[in-house]
Amino acid sequence: MARDTGRPLRADAQRNRDKILAAAVRVFTEEGLDANFERVAKEAGVGTGTLYRNFPTREALIEAAYRNEVAHLCDAVPGLLDTMPPREALRAWMGRFIDYATAKMGMADALRAVVASGGDPYGRSREMIQTAIDTLMEAGTAVGVLRDDIRPSDLSAALAGIALTSAKPDQRDQAERLLDLTMDGLTPTPPSPAEH
């Protein structure tokens, strides 16, 4: 891992770190374990010294890149709910989830190597993602745009299934259709006239 001095990074150092992590996801997704640090540094627009200062090992870089993807996914929830109605916020977040799942699948070999070396890239990722889903579903059920008889864990399982079957770049259209189908299933059924 990068050294943690307990002090926040300077703005330029934080920007470099963010660029490195984004580039690492792209490069490890494309090249897997064969990806080299020089290409990551070049894609990030930084020198290899900057990359090594932040991430002295391949495992540290892979783990940090994956955790950063999870954080971006989960940290998006408040902004989505602030700028969109709850139903649209959930659907937008579900699209981001597929982006995250696509990157995770692309990095699968690299992540397995981190686990094999004793690392734990997944840490709290499942808990963080479930909290994001809980928050989005609570917002939607509170205003009546999502069914209240569907558990957040059910949606989590549905998203995992969609990710397993459709989280490849060439399957994005299918993933979007399945996400729309899932949203349809989350929509409350209006009462029939006989129930009035």
C-alpha atoms as a PDB file:
ATOM      1  CA  MET A   1       0.000   0.000   0.000  1.00  0.00           C
ATOM      2  CA  ALA A   2       0.974   3.609  -0.325  1.00  0.00           C
ATOM      3  CA  ARG A   3       2.576   5.076   2.753  1.00  0.00           C
ATOM      4  CA  ASP A   4       0.034   6.520   5.134  1.00  0.00           C
ATOM      5  CA  THR A   5       1.540   9.412   7.026  1.00  0.00           C
ATOM      6  CA  GLY A   6      -1.786  10.393   8.565  1.00  0.00           C
ATOM      7  CA  ARG A   7      -1.722  13.690   6.686  1.00  0.00           C
ATOM      8  CA  PRO A   8      -4.026  14.451   3.777  1.00  0.00           C
ATOM      9  CA  LEU A   9      -2.339  14.553   0.393  1.00  0.00           C
ATOM     10  CA  ARG A  10      -1.672  17.859  -1.317  1.00  0.00           C
ATOM     11  CA  ALA A  11      -4.212  18.562  -4.060  1.00  0.00           C
ATOM     12  CA  ASP A  12      -1.727  17.812  -6.857  1.00  0.00           C
ATOM     13  CA  ALA A  13      -0.579  14.596  -5.158  1.00  0.00           C
ATOM     14  CA  GLN A  14      -4.200  13.503  -4.733  1.00  0.00           C
ATOM     15  CA  ARG A  15      -4.895  14.224  -8.416  1.00  0.00           C
ATOM     16  CA  ASN A  16      -1.870  12.139  -9.419  1.00  0.00           C
ATOM     17  CA  ARG A  17      -2.984   9.300  -7.152  1.00  0.00           C
ATOM     18  CA  ASP A  18      -6.504   9.405  -8.622  1.00  0.00           C
ATOM     19  CA  LYS A  19      -5.118   9.386 -12.188  1.00  0.00           C
ATOM     20  CA  ILE A  20      -2.869   6.431 -11.346  1.00  0.00           C
ATOM     21  CA  LEU A  21      -5.766   4.424  -9.901  1.00  0.00           C
ATOM     22  CA  ALA A  22      -8.042   5.125 -12.870  1.00  0.00           C
ATOM     23  CA  ALA A  23      -5.263   4.201 -15.301  1.00  0.00           C
ATOM     24  CA  ALA A  24      -4.495   1.018 -13.350  1.00  0.00           C
ATOM     25  CA  VAL A  25      -8.094  -0.154 -13.688  1.00  0.00           C
ATOM     26  CA  ARG A  26      -8.012   0.419 -17.453  1.00  0.00           C
ATOM     27  CA  VAL A  27      -4.620  -1.223 -17.945  1.00  0.00           C
ATOM     28  CA  PHE A  28      -5.217  -4.254 -15.699  1.00  0.00           C
ATOM     29  CA  THR A  29      -8.659  -4.717 -17.279  1.00  0.00           C
ATOM     30  CA  GLU A  30      -7.087  -4.763 -20.750  1.00  0.00           C
ATOM     31  CA  GLU A  31      -3.870  -6.648 -20.016  1.00  0.00           C
ATOM     32  CA  GLY A  32      -4.472  -8.592 -16.810  1.00  0.00           C
ATOM     33  CA  LEU A  33      -1.398  -9.694 -14.899  1.00  0.00           C
ATOM     34  CA  ASP A  34       0.849  -8.845 -17.855  1.00  0.00           C
ATOM     35  CA  ALA A  35       0.230  -5.118 -17.382  1.00  0.00           C
ATOM     36  CA  ASN A  36       3.373  -3.195 -16.552  1.00  0.00           C
ATOM     37  CA  PHE A  37       3.917  -0.212 -14.314  1.00  0.00           C
ATOM     38  CA  GLU A  38       5.378   1.876 -17.123  1.00  0.00           C
ATOM     39  CA  ARG A  39       2.147   1.685 -19.117  1.00  0.00           C
ATOM     40  CA  VAL A  40       0.084   2.578 -16.037  1.00  0.00           C
ATOM     41  CA  ALA A  41       2.326   5.587 -15.389  1.00  0.00           C
ATOM     42  CA  LYS A  42       2.137   6.678 -19.029  1.00  0.00           C
ATOM     43  CA  GLU A  43      -1.678   6.339 -19.116  1.00  0.00           C
ATOM     44  CA  ALA A  44      -1.885   8.350 -15.892  1.00  0.00           C
ATOM     45  CA  GLY A  45       0.452  11.025 -17.228  1.00  0.00           C
ATOM     46  CA  VAL A  46       2.920  10.649 -14.348  1.00  0.00           C
ATOM     47  CA  GLY A  47       6.464   9.412 -14.022  1.00  0.00           C
ATOM     48  CA  THR A  48       7.212   5.882 -12.849  1.00  0.00           C
ATOM     49  CA  GLY A  49       8.829   7.346  -9.732  1.00  0.00           C
ATOM     50  CA  THR A  50       5.511   8.932  -8.767  1.00  0.00           C
ATOM     51  CA  LEU A  51       3.751   5.633  -9.338  1.00  0.00           C
ATOM     52  CA  TYR A  52       6.258   3.661  -7.228  1.00  0.00           C
ATOM     53  CA  ARG A  53       6.193   6.287  -4.475  1.00  0.00           C
ATOM     54  CA  ASN A  54       2.448   5.801  -4.161  1.00  0.00           C
ATOM     55  CA  PHE A  55       2.326   2.056  -4.849  1.00  0.00           C
ATOM     56  CA  PRO A  56       5.619   0.228  -4.296  1.00  0.00           C
ATOM     57  CA  THR A  57       4.253  -3.157  -5.418  1.00  0.00           C
ATOM     58  CA  ARG A  58       1.940  -4.472  -8.107  1.00  0.00           C
ATOM     59  CA  GLU A  59      -0.311  -5.939  -5.408  1.00  0.00           C
ATOM     60  CA  ALA A  60      -0.606  -2.591  -3.615  1.00  0.00           C
ATOM     61  CA  LEU A  61      -1.597  -0.892  -6.868  1.00  0.00           C
ATOM     62  CA  ILE A  62      -4.170  -3.536  -7.824  1.00  0.00           C
ATOM     63  CA  GLU A  63      -5.730  -3.561  -4.356  1.00  0.00           C
ATOM     64  CA  ALA A  64      -5.918   0.237  -4.193  1.00  0.00           C
ATOM     65  CA  ALA A  65      -7.366   0.462  -7.721  1.00  0.00           C
ATOM     66  CA  TYR A  66     -10.099  -2.035  -6.918  1.00  0.00           C
ATOM     67  CA  ARG A  67     -10.966  -0.394  -3.597  1.00  0.00           C
ATOM     68  CA  ASN A  68     -11.082   2.973  -5.349  1.00  0.00           C
ATOM     69  CA  GLU A  69     -13.621   1.599  -7.853  1.00  0.00           C
ATOM     70  CA  VAL A  70     -15.829   0.391  -4.982  1.00  0.00           C
ATOM     71  CA  ALA A  71     -15.526   3.741  -3.222  1.00  0.00           C
ATOM     72  CA  HIS A  72     -16.486   5.673  -6.387  1.00  0.00           C
ATOM     73  CA  LEU A  73     -19.496   3.420  -6.894  1.00  0.00           C
ATOM     74  CA  CYS A  74     -20.738   3.791  -3.342  1.00  0.00           C
ATOM     75  CA  ASP A  75     -19.834   7.454  -2.900  1.00  0.00           C
ATOM     76  CA  ALA A  76     -22.016   8.313  -5.911  1.00  0.00           C
ATOM     77  CA  VAL A  77     -25.245   7.536  -4.032  1.00  0.00           C
ATOM     78  CA  PRO A  78     -25.749  10.858  -2.190  1.00  0.00           C
ATOM     79  CA  GLY A  79     -25.063  12.891  -5.331  1.00  0.00           C
ATOM     80  CA  LEU A  80     -27.475  10.815  -7.393  1.00  0.00           C
ATOM     81  CA  LEU A  81     -30.211  11.177  -4.774  1.00  0.00           C
ATOM     82  CA  ASP A  82     -29.564  14.932  -4.550  1.00  0.00           C
ATOM     83  CA  THR A  83     -29.919  15.447  -8.298  1.00  0.00           C
ATOM     84  CA  MET A  84     -32.502  12.856  -9.389  1.00  0.00           C
ATOM     85  CA  PRO A  85     -35.776  11.385  -8.201  1.00  0.00           C
ATOM     86  CA  PRO A  86     -35.146   8.139  -6.257  1.00  0.00           C
ATOM     87  CA  ARG A  87     -36.228   5.780  -9.059  1.00  0.00           C
ATOM     88  CA  GLU A  88     -33.958   7.447 -11.628  1.00  0.00           C
ATOM     89  CA  ALA A  89     -31.127   7.607  -9.080  1.00  0.00           C
ATOM     90  CA  LEU A  90     -31.381   3.851  -8.508  1.00  0.00           C
ATOM     91  CA  ARG A  91     -31.402   3.117 -12.238  1.00  0.00           C
ATOM     92  CA  ALA A  92     -28.399   5.392 -12.842  1.00  0.00           C
ATOM     93  CA  TRP A  93     -26.527   3.717  -9.983  1.00  0.00           C
ATOM     94  CA  MET A  94     -27.340   0.270 -11.377  1.00  0.00           C
ATOM     95  CA  GLY A  95     -25.646   1.295 -14.644  1.00  0.00           C
ATOM     96  CA  ARG A  96     -22.607   2.352 -12.630  1.00  0.00           C
ATOM     97  CA  PHE A  97     -22.698  -1.012 -10.871  1.00  0.00           C
ATOM     98  CA  ILE A  98     -22.356  -2.753 -14.241  1.00  0.00           C
ATOM     99  CA  ASP A  99     -19.391  -0.482 -15.062  1.00  0.00           C
ATOM    100  CA  TYR A 100     -17.808  -1.499 -11.745  1.00  0.00           C
ATOM    101  CA  ALA A 101     -18.564  -5.204 -12.362  1.00  0.00           C
ATOM    102  CA  THR A 102     -17.053  -4.998 -15.852  1.00  0.00           C
ATOM    103  CA  ALA A 103     -13.848  -3.518 -14.433  1.00  0.00           C
ATOM    104  CA  LYS A 104     -13.790  -6.114 -11.643  1.00  0.00           C
ATOM    105  CA  MET A 105     -14.162  -8.974 -14.124  1.00  0.00           C
ATOM    106  CA  GLY A 106     -11.405  -7.504 -16.265  1.00  0.00           C
ATOM    107  CA  MET A 107      -9.140  -7.337 -13.226  1.00  0.00           C
ATOM    108  CA  ALA A 108     -10.083 -10.832 -11.987  1.00  0.00           C
ATOM    109  CA  ASP A 109      -6.677 -12.440 -12.573  1.00  0.00           C
ATOM    110  CA  ALA A 110      -4.876  -9.519 -10.983  1.00  0.00           C
ATOM    111  CA  LEU A 111      -7.223  -9.580  -7.981  1.00  0.00           C
ATOM    112  CA  ARG A 112      -6.737 -13.338  -7.572  1.00  0.00           C
ATOM    113  CA  ALA A 113      -2.969 -12.759  -7.533  1.00  0.00           C
ATOM    114  CA  VAL A 114      -3.394 -10.209  -4.736  1.00  0.00           C
ATOM    115  CA  VAL A 115      -5.463 -12.686  -2.706  1.00  0.00           C
ATOM    116  CA  ALA A 116      -2.882 -15.439  -3.343  1.00  0.00           C
ATOM    117  CA  SER A 117      -0.151 -13.133  -2.001  1.00  0.00           C
ATOM    118  CA  GLY A 118      -2.080 -12.648   1.242  1.00  0.00           C
ATOM    119  CA  GLY A 119      -3.865  -9.414   0.389  1.00  0.00           C
ATOM    120  CA  ASP A 120      -7.550  -8.699   0.885  1.00  0.00           C
ATOM    121  CA  PRO A 121      -8.687  -6.363  -1.883  1.00  0.00           C
ATOM    122  CA  TYR A 122     -12.341  -7.042  -1.153  1.00  0.00           C
ATOM    123  CA  GLY A 123     -12.232  -5.915   2.487  1.00  0.00           C
ATOM    124  CA  ARG A 124     -15.525  -4.188   3.154  1.00  0.00           C
ATOM    125  CA  SER A 125     -16.651  -3.967  -0.479  1.00  0.00           C
ATOM    126  CA  ARG A 126     -19.714  -6.207  -0.109  1.00  0.00           C
ATOM    127  CA  GLU A 127     -20.891  -4.271   2.948  1.00  0.00           C
ATOM    128  CA  MET A 128     -20.323  -0.915   1.232  1.00  0.00           C
ATOM    129  CA  ILE A 129     -22.231  -1.968  -1.887  1.00  0.00           C
ATOM    130  CA  GLN A 130     -25.099  -3.382   0.161  1.00  0.00           C
ATOM    131  CA  THR A 131     -25.314  -0.120   2.133  1.00  0.00           C
ATOM    132  CA  ALA A 132     -25.527   1.802  -1.153  1.00  0.00           C
ATOM    133  CA  ILE A 133     -28.360  -0.434  -2.370  1.00  0.00           C
ATOM    134  CA  ASP A 134     -30.157  -0.142   0.984  1.00  0.00           C
ATOM    135  CA  THR A 135     -29.981   3.664   0.827  1.00  0.00           C
ATOM    136  CA  LEU A 136     -31.283   3.837  -2.740  1.00  0.00           C
ATOM    137  CA  MET A 137     -34.123   1.400  -2.109  1.00  0.00           C
ATOM    138  CA  GLU A 138     -35.157   3.133   1.114  1.00  0.00           C
ATOM    139  CA  ALA A 139     -35.365   6.437  -0.760  1.00  0.00           C
ATOM    140  CA  GLY A 140     -37.570   4.862  -3.446  1.00  0.00           C
ATOM    141  CA  THR A 141     -39.886   2.985  -1.096  1.00  0.00           C
ATOM    142  CA  ALA A 142     -40.281   6.071   1.102  1.00  0.00           C
ATOM    143  CA  VAL A 143     -41.940   7.943  -1.777  1.00  0.00           C
ATOM    144  CA  GLY A 144     -43.784   4.923  -3.169  1.00  0.00           C
ATOM    145  CA  VAL A 145     -41.906   4.521  -6.458  1.00  0.00           C
ATOM    146  CA  LEU A 146     -40.362   1.164  -5.498  1.00  0.00           C
ATOM    147  CA  ARG A 147     -42.077  -1.903  -4.103  1.00  0.00           C
ATOM    148  CA  ASP A 148     -41.721  -2.267  -0.363  1.00  0.00           C
ATOM    149  CA  ASP A 149     -41.875  -6.073  -0.432  1.00  0.00           C
ATOM    150  CA  ILE A 150     -38.535  -6.469  -2.230  1.00  0.00           C
ATOM    151  CA  ARG A 151     -35.505  -6.734   0.029  1.00  0.00           C
ATOM    152  CA  PRO A 152     -32.311  -4.867  -0.823  1.00  0.00           C
ATOM    153  CA  SER A 153     -30.517  -8.227  -0.651  1.00  0.00           C
ATOM    154  CA  ASP A 154     -32.840  -9.452  -3.445  1.00  0.00           C
ATOM    155  CA  LEU A 155     -31.776  -6.552  -5.646  1.00  0.00           C
ATOM    156  CA  SER A 156     -28.154  -7.232  -4.758  1.00  0.00           C
ATOM    157  CA  ALA A 157     -28.551 -10.843  -5.911  1.00  0.00           C
ATOM    158  CA  ALA A 158     -30.254  -9.716  -9.136  1.00  0.00           C
ATOM    159  CA  LEU A 159     -27.436  -7.278  -9.898  1.00  0.00           C
ATOM    160  CA  ALA A 160     -24.838  -9.965  -9.208  1.00  0.00           C
ATOM    161  CA  GLY A 161     -26.619 -12.257 -11.675  1.00  0.00           C
ATOM    162  CA  ILE A 162     -26.755  -9.555 -14.339  1.00  0.00           C
ATOM    163  CA  ALA A 163     -23.073  -8.845 -13.766  1.00  0.00           C
ATOM    164  CA  LEU A 164     -22.146 -12.511 -14.140  1.00  0.00           C
ATOM    165  CA  THR A 165     -24.006 -12.871 -17.414  1.00  0.00           C
ATOM    166  CA  SER A 166     -23.650  -9.437 -18.992  1.00  0.00           C
ATOM    167  CA  ALA A 167     -20.730  -7.487 -17.537  1.00  0.00           C
ATOM    168  CA  LYS A 168     -18.547  -7.637 -20.616  1.00  0.00           C
ATOM    169  CA  PRO A 169     -18.169  -4.593 -22.840  1.00  0.00           C
ATOM    170  CA  ASP A 170     -19.727  -6.392 -25.827  1.00  0.00           C
ATOM    171  CA  GLN A 171     -22.760  -7.354 -23.719  1.00  0.00           C
ATOM    172  CA  ARG A 172     -23.620  -3.875 -22.463  1.00  0.00           C
ATOM    173  CA  ASP A 173     -26.874  -3.695 -24.450  1.00  0.00           C
ATOM    174  CA  GLN A 174     -28.061  -6.897 -22.813  1.00  0.00           C
ATOM    175  CA  ALA A 175     -27.047  -5.609 -19.378  1.00  0.00           C
ATOM    176  CA  GLU A 176     -29.049  -2.414 -19.943  1.00  0.00           C
ATOM    177  CA  ARG A 177     -32.134  -4.419 -20.980  1.00  0.00           C
ATOM    178  CA  LEU A 178     -31.805  -6.618 -17.893  1.00  0.00           C
ATOM    179  CA  LEU A 179     -31.443  -3.559 -15.663  1.00  0.00           C
ATOM    180  CA  ASP A 180     -34.615  -2.094 -17.206  1.00  0.00           C
ATOM    181  CA  LEU A 181     -36.402  -5.403 -16.624  1.00  0.00           C
ATOM    182  CA  THR A 182     -35.241  -5.364 -13.002  1.00  0.00           C
ATOM    183  CA  MET A 183     -36.542  -1.815 -12.581  1.00  0.00           C
ATOM    184  CA  ASP A 184     -39.899  -2.931 -14.002  1.00  0.00           C
ATOM    185  CA  GLY A 185     -39.991  -5.657 -11.358  1.00  0.00           C
ATOM    186  CA  LEU A 186     -39.335  -3.075  -8.627  1.00  0.00           C
ATOM    187  CA  THR A 187     -42.275  -0.907  -9.720  1.00  0.00           C
ATOM    188  CA  PRO A 188     -45.316  -1.078  -7.447  1.00  0.00           C
ATOM    189  CA  THR A 189     -48.416  -2.491  -9.099  1.00  0.00           C
ATOM    190  CA  PRO A 190     -51.258   0.020  -9.070  1.00  0.00           C
ATOM    191  CA  PRO A 191     -54.343  -1.226  -7.246  1.00  0.00           C
ATOM    192  CA  SER A 192     -57.002  -2.732  -9.479  1.00  0.00           C
ATOM    193  CA  PRO A 193     -60.334  -0.857  -9.778  1.00  0.00           C
ATOM    194  CA  ALA A 194     -61.989  -3.544  -7.623  1.00  0.00           C
ATOM    195  CA  GLU A 195     -59.669  -2.630  -4.752  1.00  0.00           C
ATOM    196  CA  HIS A 196     -60.905   0.979  -4.583  1.00  0.00           C
END
